[in-house]
Each structure stands twice: as structure tokens, then as C-alpha cells.
Amino acid sequence: MEPLNGKQTAEHITGILQPKYQVHGYSVDLTVRQIYALDPIGAVDFGGSEYVAAGRVPLATQRRRPEDRYEWWDLGRGSYFVEFNETLALAENEIALIEPHERLLRAGAAHVPIFVRGRANALEVLLHVEAVRLQVKQNARIAQVRLFRFAVDGKSRRGRRGKAPRP
């Protein structure tokens, strides 16, 4: 498995707002499109026949100053669904890792790192706010995606077939 650089990763992403600021050495920043409050009830069972996804209620944004071009979400402690502006289209031998941006962590919030395969029409994470209050601006960069490519037919870049390296 080998990591793709930021430019290669960006080729698999649609909806990038500002490549100059979002594309890095080995990652691409993901930006907030919409934040949803959780409807209070979800259900999970063994077979999935009684599965119920938690509902979503779109949260309104607020303008902090009259001259602001973008608005803000004002979040209290709790969990929220975040939908990103960007979407992914991956080959069968590729996997993406979405992890929280370091600034999100330092602001008192996080989401679990998740792996994504195939085509993800809507990228989203479950955001956990631990700070008493978190303000999130529209299009804020709160996550990073890293892309990895698996060897095809068990061959690595050096042509070995799934064997451990020799000492």
C-alpha cells in the first residue's frame, strides 16, 4: 500500500473550493457544506431489518457582522452530522482515510477517522463537540483526506508478489 501525494489525491475529488489552500503534500482539506443536528432516535439490530438511521435537522447559520460574506454555525456541546463540499471517486484498489484537521482538535471538537472505498456521493462525518461552544464558519476546513493505493494482483512497486522482504 502506498500513499498518493496531494495532487494525485485531488484528482479523485470533486468540489474542491480553493486548491491553493486545500491541497497539501499528502492530503487534501475537506470543507463544511452543511451541519445537521441529530434527531434523537436511531436503532441498530443484528440483522439490519430494524435499523433506523438517526434523523437530521439542518442547522441555520448566522451572520456575525453585516459585511461578512460567509455565515457561521454556533454549536453547543454534543454531536452533529457534517456534510462536506467535496466528494470522492476511488478506484477499486484505493482507499481514503478521513481524519480531523488539527485546528478542529485544538478548537475542542473531533470526529473519528473513517475509511472510505468506492464512490462517496456525499462525504460526511459525525462531529463531536466537547467545548462548551464551537463556532464553525461556512466552508471551514475541518478534516483532511489521505488516499492510499493497494498493490494490483498482489504486486508491490518492486514487483514482489505479497511476500515479506528478505533480510
N, C-alpha and C. Protein backbone atom coordinates (compact mmCIF):
# COMPACT_ATOMS: atom_id res chain seq x y z
N MET A 1 0.87 -1.17 0.00
CA MET A 1 0.00 0.00 0.00
C MET A 1 0.91 1.23 0.00
N GLU A 2 0.59 2.17 -0.87
CA GLU A 2 1.40 3.38 -0.95
C GLU A 2 0.51 4.62 -0.89
N PRO A 3 0.98 5.67 -0.23
CA PRO A 3 0.20 6.91 -0.17
C PRO A 3 0.32 7.68 -1.48
N LEU A 4 -0.76 8.35 -1.86
CA LEU A 4 -0.73 9.25 -3.01
C LEU A 4 -0.43 10.65 -2.51
N ASN A 5 0.26 11.43 -3.31
CA ASN A 5 0.53 12.80 -2.89
C ASN A 5 -0.74 13.65 -3.02
N GLY A 6 -0.68 14.87 -2.53
CA GLY A 6 -1.85 15.73 -2.52
C GLY A 6 -2.43 16.00 -3.90
N LYS A 7 -1.57 16.22 -4.89
CA LYS A 7 -2.06 16.49 -6.25
C LYS A 7 -2.76 15.27 -6.83
N GLN A 8 -2.19 14.07 -6.59
CA GLN A 8 -2.83 12.84 -7.07
C GLN A 8 -4.16 12.63 -6.37
N THR A 9 -4.20 12.89 -5.07
CA THR A 9 -5.43 12.75 -4.30
C THR A 9 -6.50 13.71 -4.82
N ALA A 10 -6.11 14.95 -5.11
CA ALA A 10 -7.07 15.96 -5.59
C ALA A 10 -7.72 15.54 -6.90
N GLU A 11 -7.04 14.73 -7.71
CA GLU A 11 -7.61 14.26 -8.97
C GLU A 11 -8.82 13.35 -8.75
N HIS A 12 -8.98 12.81 -7.55
CA HIS A 12 -10.09 11.92 -7.21
C HIS A 12 -11.21 12.66 -6.47
N ILE A 13 -11.08 13.96 -6.31
CA ILE A 13 -12.03 14.73 -5.51
C ILE A 13 -12.69 15.79 -6.38
N THR A 14 -14.02 15.88 -6.27
CA THR A 14 -14.73 16.99 -6.91
C THR A 14 -15.23 17.92 -5.82
N GLY A 15 -15.39 19.18 -6.16
CA GLY A 15 -15.92 20.15 -5.21
C GLY A 15 -14.88 20.89 -4.40
N ILE A 16 -13.59 20.76 -4.76
CA ILE A 16 -12.55 21.49 -4.04
C ILE A 16 -12.76 22.98 -4.29
N LEU A 17 -12.83 23.76 -3.22
CA LEU A 17 -13.12 25.19 -3.35
C LEU A 17 -11.90 26.02 -3.73
N GLN A 18 -10.78 25.77 -3.06
CA GLN A 18 -9.55 26.55 -3.27
C GLN A 18 -8.35 25.60 -3.25
N PRO A 19 -8.00 25.00 -4.39
CA PRO A 19 -6.88 24.04 -4.40
C PRO A 19 -5.59 24.62 -3.80
N LYS A 20 -5.35 25.89 -4.02
CA LYS A 20 -4.13 26.53 -3.50
C LYS A 20 -4.01 26.35 -1.98
N TYR A 21 -5.13 26.37 -1.28
CA TYR A 21 -5.12 26.27 0.18
C TYR A 21 -5.48 24.88 0.70
N GLN A 22 -6.17 24.07 -0.10
CA GLN A 22 -6.66 22.78 0.37
C GLN A 22 -5.74 21.61 0.05
N VAL A 23 -4.94 21.71 -1.00
CA VAL A 23 -4.10 20.60 -1.42
C VAL A 23 -2.72 20.75 -0.79
N HIS A 24 -2.30 19.70 -0.07
CA HIS A 24 -1.02 19.70 0.64
C HIS A 24 -0.15 18.55 0.14
N GLY A 25 1.00 18.36 0.76
CA GLY A 25 1.94 17.33 0.34
C GLY A 25 1.33 15.95 0.16
N TYR A 26 0.61 15.46 1.19
CA TYR A 26 0.00 14.13 1.12
C TYR A 26 -1.43 14.13 1.63
N SER A 27 -2.10 15.26 1.54
CA SER A 27 -3.50 15.31 1.99
C SER A 27 -4.23 16.45 1.28
N VAL A 28 -5.56 16.40 1.39
CA VAL A 28 -6.43 17.47 0.87
C VAL A 28 -7.42 17.80 1.98
N ASP A 29 -7.57 19.10 2.27
CA ASP A 29 -8.53 19.53 3.28
C ASP A 29 -9.95 19.41 2.76
N LEU A 30 -10.87 19.03 3.65
CA LEU A 30 -12.29 18.97 3.33
C LEU A 30 -13.00 20.12 4.03
N THR A 31 -13.98 20.70 3.35
CA THR A 31 -14.65 21.91 3.85
C THR A 31 -16.13 21.66 4.14
N VAL A 32 -16.66 22.39 5.11
CA VAL A 32 -18.03 22.21 5.58
C VAL A 32 -19.05 22.81 4.60
N ARG A 33 -19.98 21.98 4.20
CA ARG A 33 -21.10 22.44 3.36
C ARG A 33 -22.33 22.71 4.21
N GLN A 34 -22.65 21.76 5.10
CA GLN A 34 -23.85 21.86 5.93
C GLN A 34 -23.62 21.12 7.24
N ILE A 35 -24.22 21.62 8.30
CA ILE A 35 -24.18 20.94 9.60
C ILE A 35 -25.62 20.64 10.02
N TYR A 36 -25.81 19.43 10.54
CA TYR A 36 -27.13 18.96 10.94
C TYR A 36 -27.13 18.58 12.42
N ALA A 37 -28.19 18.91 13.11
CA ALA A 37 -28.42 18.39 14.45
C ALA A 37 -28.98 16.98 14.28
N LEU A 38 -28.77 16.14 15.29
CA LEU A 38 -29.30 14.78 15.24
C LEU A 38 -30.72 14.77 15.77
N ASP A 39 -31.60 14.11 15.02
CA ASP A 39 -32.92 13.80 15.52
C ASP A 39 -32.68 12.72 16.58
N PRO A 40 -33.38 12.73 17.67
CA PRO A 40 -32.94 11.94 18.83
C PRO A 40 -32.99 10.43 18.74
N ILE A 41 -33.60 9.84 17.73
CA ILE A 41 -33.78 8.38 17.79
C ILE A 41 -33.15 7.69 16.58
N GLY A 42 -32.31 6.69 16.86
CA GLY A 42 -31.77 5.78 15.87
C GLY A 42 -31.89 4.39 16.44
N ALA A 43 -31.79 3.34 15.62
CA ALA A 43 -31.89 1.97 16.12
C ALA A 43 -30.96 1.07 15.32
N VAL A 44 -30.26 0.16 16.02
CA VAL A 44 -29.37 -0.80 15.38
C VAL A 44 -29.70 -2.18 15.93
N ASP A 45 -29.86 -3.16 15.02
CA ASP A 45 -30.12 -4.52 15.44
C ASP A 45 -29.12 -5.45 14.76
N PHE A 46 -29.21 -6.74 15.01
CA PHE A 46 -28.26 -7.71 14.48
C PHE A 46 -28.36 -7.83 12.96
N GLY A 47 -29.54 -8.05 12.44
CA GLY A 47 -29.73 -8.33 11.02
C GLY A 47 -29.93 -7.11 10.14
N GLY A 48 -30.28 -6.00 10.72
CA GLY A 48 -30.50 -4.79 9.95
C GLY A 48 -31.94 -4.54 9.55
N SER A 49 -32.84 -5.47 9.84
CA SER A 49 -34.23 -5.28 9.44
C SER A 49 -34.92 -4.21 10.29
N GLU A 50 -34.38 -3.93 11.47
CA GLU A 50 -34.98 -2.91 12.34
C GLU A 50 -34.08 -1.68 12.47
N TYR A 51 -33.09 -1.58 11.59
CA TYR A 51 -32.18 -0.45 11.59
C TYR A 51 -32.91 0.84 11.24
N VAL A 52 -32.64 1.87 12.00
CA VAL A 52 -33.19 3.20 11.73
C VAL A 52 -32.05 4.21 11.92
N ALA A 53 -31.73 4.93 10.85
CA ALA A 53 -30.70 5.97 10.94
C ALA A 53 -31.25 7.13 11.75
N ALA A 54 -30.38 7.76 12.53
CA ALA A 54 -30.79 8.97 13.25
C ALA A 54 -31.15 10.04 12.23
N GLY A 55 -32.19 10.77 12.51
CA GLY A 55 -32.62 11.81 11.60
C GLY A 55 -31.68 13.01 11.64
N ARG A 56 -31.88 13.90 10.70
CA ARG A 56 -31.04 15.10 10.60
C ARG A 56 -31.93 16.32 10.45
N VAL A 57 -31.55 17.34 11.18
CA VAL A 57 -32.26 18.61 11.09
C VAL A 57 -31.21 19.66 10.71
N PRO A 58 -31.33 20.27 9.51
CA PRO A 58 -30.33 21.26 9.11
C PRO A 58 -30.31 22.43 10.09
N LEU A 59 -29.10 22.83 10.46
CA LEU A 59 -28.96 23.97 11.36
C LEU A 59 -28.80 25.25 10.55
N ALA A 60 -29.41 26.31 11.03
CA ALA A 60 -29.30 27.60 10.37
C ALA A 60 -27.97 28.25 10.71
N THR A 61 -27.49 29.05 9.80
CA THR A 61 -26.27 29.83 10.04
C THR A 61 -26.66 31.24 10.44
N GLN A 62 -25.68 31.93 10.99
CA GLN A 62 -25.91 33.32 11.42
C GLN A 62 -24.77 34.18 10.91
N ARG A 63 -25.11 35.40 10.57
CA ARG A 63 -24.10 36.38 10.16
C ARG A 63 -23.57 37.06 11.42
N ARG A 64 -22.26 37.07 11.59
CA ARG A 64 -21.68 37.70 12.77
C ARG A 64 -21.56 39.21 12.60
N ARG A 65 -21.23 39.64 11.39
CA ARG A 65 -21.14 41.07 11.08
C ARG A 65 -21.86 41.31 9.77
N PRO A 66 -22.49 42.46 9.60
CA PRO A 66 -23.24 42.73 8.36
C PRO A 66 -22.39 42.61 7.10
N GLU A 67 -21.11 42.91 7.17
CA GLU A 67 -20.25 42.87 5.98
C GLU A 67 -19.70 41.48 5.67
N ASP A 68 -19.96 40.49 6.54
CA ASP A 68 -19.44 39.14 6.33
C ASP A 68 -20.03 38.51 5.07
N ARG A 69 -19.17 37.87 4.30
CA ARG A 69 -19.61 37.16 3.10
C ARG A 69 -20.17 35.77 3.46
N TYR A 70 -19.56 35.16 4.48
CA TYR A 70 -19.98 33.83 4.90
C TYR A 70 -20.55 33.89 6.31
N GLU A 71 -21.45 32.92 6.59
CA GLU A 71 -22.10 32.89 7.90
C GLU A 71 -21.49 31.77 8.75
N TRP A 72 -21.96 31.68 10.01
CA TRP A 72 -21.40 30.77 11.00
C TRP A 72 -22.48 29.89 11.62
N TRP A 73 -22.08 28.68 12.00
CA TRP A 73 -22.90 27.83 12.84
C TRP A 73 -22.38 28.00 14.26
N ASP A 74 -23.28 28.07 15.20
CA ASP A 74 -22.91 28.18 16.61
C ASP A 74 -23.35 26.88 17.29
N LEU A 75 -22.39 26.03 17.62
CA LEU A 75 -22.68 24.69 18.13
C LEU A 75 -22.37 24.59 19.62
N GLY A 76 -23.29 24.00 20.35
CA GLY A 76 -23.05 23.68 21.75
C GLY A 76 -22.45 22.29 21.87
N ARG A 77 -22.13 21.89 23.08
CA ARG A 77 -21.58 20.56 23.32
C ARG A 77 -22.55 19.50 22.82
N GLY A 78 -22.04 18.50 22.12
CA GLY A 78 -22.89 17.43 21.60
C GLY A 78 -22.36 16.90 20.28
N SER A 79 -23.21 16.17 19.56
CA SER A 79 -22.83 15.54 18.29
C SER A 79 -23.66 16.09 17.14
N TYR A 80 -23.03 16.19 15.98
CA TYR A 80 -23.65 16.77 14.79
C TYR A 80 -23.16 16.02 13.56
N PHE A 81 -24.01 15.93 12.54
CA PHE A 81 -23.56 15.43 11.25
C PHE A 81 -23.01 16.60 10.46
N VAL A 82 -21.86 16.39 9.82
CA VAL A 82 -21.27 17.41 8.95
C VAL A 82 -21.18 16.84 7.54
N GLU A 83 -21.73 17.57 6.58
CA GLU A 83 -21.61 17.21 5.17
C GLU A 83 -20.57 18.12 4.54
N PHE A 84 -19.67 17.52 3.76
CA PHE A 84 -18.60 18.28 3.12
C PHE A 84 -18.99 18.74 1.72
N ASN A 85 -18.32 19.77 1.25
CA ASN A 85 -18.50 20.25 -0.13
C ASN A 85 -17.92 19.25 -1.14
N GLU A 86 -16.90 18.52 -0.73
CA GLU A 86 -16.16 17.66 -1.63
C GLU A 86 -16.75 16.24 -1.68
N THR A 87 -16.55 15.58 -2.81
CA THR A 87 -16.92 14.17 -2.96
C THR A 87 -15.72 13.40 -3.52
N LEU A 88 -15.73 12.09 -3.32
CA LEU A 88 -14.63 11.23 -3.75
C LEU A 88 -15.09 10.23 -4.80
N ALA A 89 -14.18 9.88 -5.69
CA ALA A 89 -14.39 8.78 -6.64
C ALA A 89 -13.09 7.98 -6.66
N LEU A 90 -13.11 6.78 -6.09
CA LEU A 90 -11.90 5.98 -5.93
C LEU A 90 -11.94 4.74 -6.79
N ALA A 91 -10.77 4.30 -7.22
CA ALA A 91 -10.65 3.04 -7.94
C ALA A 91 -10.78 1.89 -6.95
N GLU A 92 -10.96 0.67 -7.46
CA GLU A 92 -11.12 -0.50 -6.58
C GLU A 92 -9.92 -0.75 -5.69
N ASN A 93 -8.74 -0.34 -6.14
CA ASN A 93 -7.53 -0.59 -5.36
C ASN A 93 -7.11 0.63 -4.54
N GLU A 94 -8.05 1.52 -4.27
CA GLU A 94 -7.75 2.73 -3.49
C GLU A 94 -8.66 2.83 -2.27
N ILE A 95 -8.12 3.42 -1.22
CA ILE A 95 -8.89 3.65 -0.01
C ILE A 95 -8.51 5.04 0.52
N ALA A 96 -9.50 5.74 1.05
CA ALA A 96 -9.26 7.08 1.58
C ALA A 96 -9.44 7.05 3.09
N LEU A 97 -8.61 7.81 3.77
CA LEU A 97 -8.72 7.99 5.22
C LEU A 97 -9.10 9.45 5.46
N ILE A 98 -10.23 9.64 6.15
CA ILE A 98 -10.66 10.99 6.51
C ILE A 98 -10.41 11.15 8.00
N GLU A 99 -9.63 12.15 8.36
CA GLU A 99 -9.27 12.38 9.76
C GLU A 99 -9.49 13.84 10.10
N PRO A 100 -9.66 14.14 11.39
CA PRO A 100 -9.91 15.52 11.79
C PRO A 100 -8.71 16.42 11.53
N HIS A 101 -8.99 17.64 11.15
CA HIS A 101 -7.95 18.65 10.97
C HIS A 101 -7.42 19.04 12.34
N GLU A 102 -6.13 19.31 12.43
CA GLU A 102 -5.53 19.64 13.74
C GLU A 102 -6.16 20.87 14.37
N ARG A 103 -6.62 21.83 13.56
CA ARG A 103 -7.25 23.03 14.13
C ARG A 103 -8.60 22.69 14.76
N LEU A 104 -9.31 21.72 14.19
CA LEU A 104 -10.57 21.28 14.78
C LEU A 104 -10.31 20.69 16.16
N LEU A 105 -9.28 19.86 16.25
CA LEU A 105 -8.94 19.25 17.54
C LEU A 105 -8.59 20.31 18.57
N ARG A 106 -7.80 21.29 18.18
CA ARG A 106 -7.40 22.34 19.12
C ARG A 106 -8.57 23.26 19.49
N ALA A 107 -9.63 23.27 18.68
CA ALA A 107 -10.81 24.09 18.98
C ALA A 107 -11.78 23.36 19.91
N GLY A 108 -11.48 22.10 20.25
CA GLY A 108 -12.32 21.38 21.20
C GLY A 108 -13.34 20.45 20.58
N ALA A 109 -13.10 20.01 19.34
CA ALA A 109 -14.03 19.09 18.68
C ALA A 109 -13.23 18.05 17.89
N ALA A 110 -13.91 16.98 17.49
CA ALA A 110 -13.26 15.92 16.74
C ALA A 110 -14.30 15.08 16.03
N HIS A 111 -13.83 14.23 15.13
CA HIS A 111 -14.65 13.15 14.57
C HIS A 111 -13.73 11.95 14.48
N VAL A 112 -14.30 10.77 14.50
CA VAL A 112 -13.47 9.58 14.39
C VAL A 112 -12.90 9.50 12.98
N PRO A 113 -11.67 9.03 12.83
CA PRO A 113 -11.15 8.79 11.49
C PRO A 113 -11.96 7.69 10.82
N ILE A 114 -12.25 7.86 9.54
CA ILE A 114 -13.03 6.85 8.81
C ILE A 114 -12.34 6.51 7.49
N PHE A 115 -12.53 5.27 7.07
CA PHE A 115 -12.03 4.82 5.77
C PHE A 115 -13.19 4.82 4.79
N VAL A 116 -12.91 5.21 3.55
CA VAL A 116 -13.93 5.26 2.50
C VAL A 116 -13.41 4.49 1.30
N ARG A 117 -14.28 3.68 0.69
CA ARG A 117 -13.96 2.94 -0.54
C ARG A 117 -14.96 3.32 -1.60
N GLY A 118 -14.61 3.18 -2.87
CA GLY A 118 -15.52 3.39 -3.98
C GLY A 118 -15.87 4.85 -4.19
N ARG A 119 -17.12 5.08 -4.56
CA ARG A 119 -17.59 6.44 -4.85
C ARG A 119 -18.49 6.89 -3.70
N ALA A 120 -18.10 7.98 -3.08
CA ALA A 120 -18.89 8.55 -1.98
C ALA A 120 -19.55 9.82 -2.49
N ASN A 121 -20.84 9.73 -2.79
CA ASN A 121 -21.55 10.90 -3.33
C ASN A 121 -21.60 12.03 -2.33
N ALA A 122 -21.86 11.73 -1.08
CA ALA A 122 -21.88 12.76 -0.03
C ALA A 122 -20.93 12.31 1.06
N LEU A 123 -19.85 13.05 1.24
CA LEU A 123 -18.93 12.74 2.32
C LEU A 123 -19.44 13.40 3.58
N GLU A 124 -19.46 12.63 4.67
CA GLU A 124 -19.94 13.18 5.93
C GLU A 124 -19.25 12.50 7.10
N VAL A 125 -19.24 13.20 8.22
CA VAL A 125 -18.70 12.65 9.46
C VAL A 125 -19.64 13.03 10.59
N LEU A 126 -19.49 12.32 11.69
CA LEU A 126 -20.22 12.64 12.91
C LEU A 126 -19.26 13.46 13.78
N LEU A 127 -19.55 14.73 13.93
CA LEU A 127 -18.71 15.66 14.66
C LEU A 127 -19.10 15.64 16.14
N HIS A 128 -18.09 15.53 17.01
CA HIS A 128 -18.31 15.55 18.45
C HIS A 128 -17.71 16.83 19.01
N VAL A 129 -18.54 17.69 19.57
CA VAL A 129 -18.09 18.95 20.14
C VAL A 129 -17.98 18.77 21.64
N GLU A 130 -16.78 18.92 22.16
CA GLU A 130 -16.54 18.79 23.59
C GLU A 130 -16.39 20.15 24.26
N ALA A 131 -16.07 21.17 23.48
CA ALA A 131 -16.01 22.52 24.03
C ALA A 131 -17.43 22.96 24.38
N VAL A 132 -17.57 23.92 25.26
CA VAL A 132 -18.90 24.41 25.61
C VAL A 132 -19.56 25.03 24.39
N ARG A 133 -18.76 25.63 23.53
CA ARG A 133 -19.29 26.30 22.34
C ARG A 133 -18.25 26.22 21.23
N LEU A 134 -18.68 25.89 20.04
CA LEU A 134 -17.80 25.86 18.88
C LEU A 134 -18.48 26.62 17.76
N GLN A 135 -17.79 27.59 17.21
CA GLN A 135 -18.30 28.33 16.06
C GLN A 135 -17.59 27.82 14.81
N VAL A 136 -18.37 27.50 13.79
CA VAL A 136 -17.84 26.96 12.54
C VAL A 136 -18.32 27.84 11.40
N LYS A 137 -17.38 28.37 10.65
CA LYS A 137 -17.71 29.23 9.52
C LYS A 137 -18.02 28.38 8.30
N GLN A 138 -18.94 28.83 7.45
CA GLN A 138 -19.23 28.13 6.21
C GLN A 138 -17.93 27.91 5.45
N ASN A 139 -17.75 26.74 4.89
CA ASN A 139 -16.58 26.34 4.12
C ASN A 139 -15.31 26.19 4.96
N ALA A 140 -15.45 26.12 6.28
CA ALA A 140 -14.28 25.92 7.14
C ALA A 140 -13.63 24.58 6.80
N ARG A 141 -12.30 24.53 6.88
CA ARG A 141 -11.56 23.29 6.66
C ARG A 141 -11.45 22.56 8.00
N ILE A 142 -12.20 21.46 8.16
CA ILE A 142 -12.22 20.76 9.46
C ILE A 142 -11.72 19.32 9.39
N ALA A 143 -11.42 18.84 8.18
CA ALA A 143 -10.96 17.45 8.04
C ALA A 143 -9.94 17.39 6.91
N GLN A 144 -9.18 16.29 6.90
CA GLN A 144 -8.23 16.04 5.83
C GLN A 144 -8.47 14.64 5.30
N VAL A 145 -8.28 14.48 3.99
CA VAL A 145 -8.38 13.16 3.38
C VAL A 145 -7.01 12.78 2.85
N ARG A 146 -6.63 11.52 3.11
CA ARG A 146 -5.39 10.95 2.59
C ARG A 146 -5.79 9.72 1.78
N LEU A 147 -5.16 9.55 0.64
CA LEU A 147 -5.52 8.47 -0.27
C LEU A 147 -4.37 7.47 -0.38
N PHE A 148 -4.73 6.18 -0.36
CA PHE A 148 -3.74 5.11 -0.45
C PHE A 148 -4.13 4.17 -1.58
N ARG A 149 -3.12 3.65 -2.28
CA ARG A 149 -3.35 2.71 -3.37
C ARG A 149 -2.74 1.36 -2.98
N PHE A 150 -3.55 0.30 -3.16
CA PHE A 150 -3.09 -1.05 -2.90
C PHE A 150 -2.38 -1.60 -4.12
N ALA A 151 -1.49 -2.55 -3.89
CA ALA A 151 -0.83 -3.22 -5.00
C ALA A 151 -1.86 -3.97 -5.82
N VAL A 152 -1.69 -3.98 -7.12
CA VAL A 152 -2.60 -4.69 -8.03
C VAL A 152 -2.11 -6.12 -8.17
N ASP A 153 -3.00 -7.10 -8.04
CA ASP A 153 -2.67 -8.53 -8.17
C ASP A 153 -1.55 -8.97 -7.23
N GLY A 154 -1.51 -8.36 -6.03
CA GLY A 154 -0.53 -8.77 -5.04
C GLY A 154 0.88 -8.28 -5.31
N LYS A 155 1.09 -7.46 -6.35
CA LYS A 155 2.43 -6.97 -6.67
C LYS A 155 2.65 -5.61 -6.03
N SER A 156 3.79 -5.43 -5.45
CA SER A 156 4.15 -4.13 -4.91
C SER A 156 4.86 -3.34 -6.00
N ARG A 157 5.31 -2.15 -5.68
CA ARG A 157 6.02 -1.34 -6.66
C ARG A 157 7.31 -2.02 -7.14
N ARG A 158 7.89 -2.87 -6.32
CA ARG A 158 9.13 -3.54 -6.68
C ARG A 158 8.89 -4.87 -7.40
N GLY A 159 7.63 -5.24 -7.60
CA GLY A 159 7.32 -6.44 -8.35
C GLY A 159 7.23 -7.71 -7.53
N ARG A 160 7.36 -7.64 -6.21
CA ARG A 160 7.21 -8.84 -5.38
C ARG A 160 5.74 -9.19 -5.29
N ARG A 161 5.46 -10.46 -5.08
CA ARG A 161 4.08 -10.92 -5.01
C ARG A 161 3.71 -11.28 -3.59
N GLY A 162 3.36 -10.26 -2.78
CA GLY A 162 2.82 -10.48 -1.45
C GLY A 162 3.76 -11.16 -0.47
N LYS A 163 5.05 -11.23 -0.75
CA LYS A 163 5.99 -11.88 0.16
C LYS A 163 6.65 -10.82 1.04
N ALA A 164 7.02 -11.27 2.22
CA ALA A 164 7.74 -10.39 3.13
C ALA A 164 9.14 -10.12 2.58
N PRO A 165 9.68 -8.93 2.84
CA PRO A 165 11.02 -8.64 2.34
C PRO A 165 12.06 -9.58 2.95
N ARG A 166 13.08 -9.88 2.17
CA ARG A 166 14.15 -10.76 2.66
C ARG A 166 15.09 -9.98 3.54
N PRO A 167 15.62 -10.65 4.59
CA PRO A 167 16.55 -9.96 5.48
C PRO A 167 17.87 -9.65 4.82
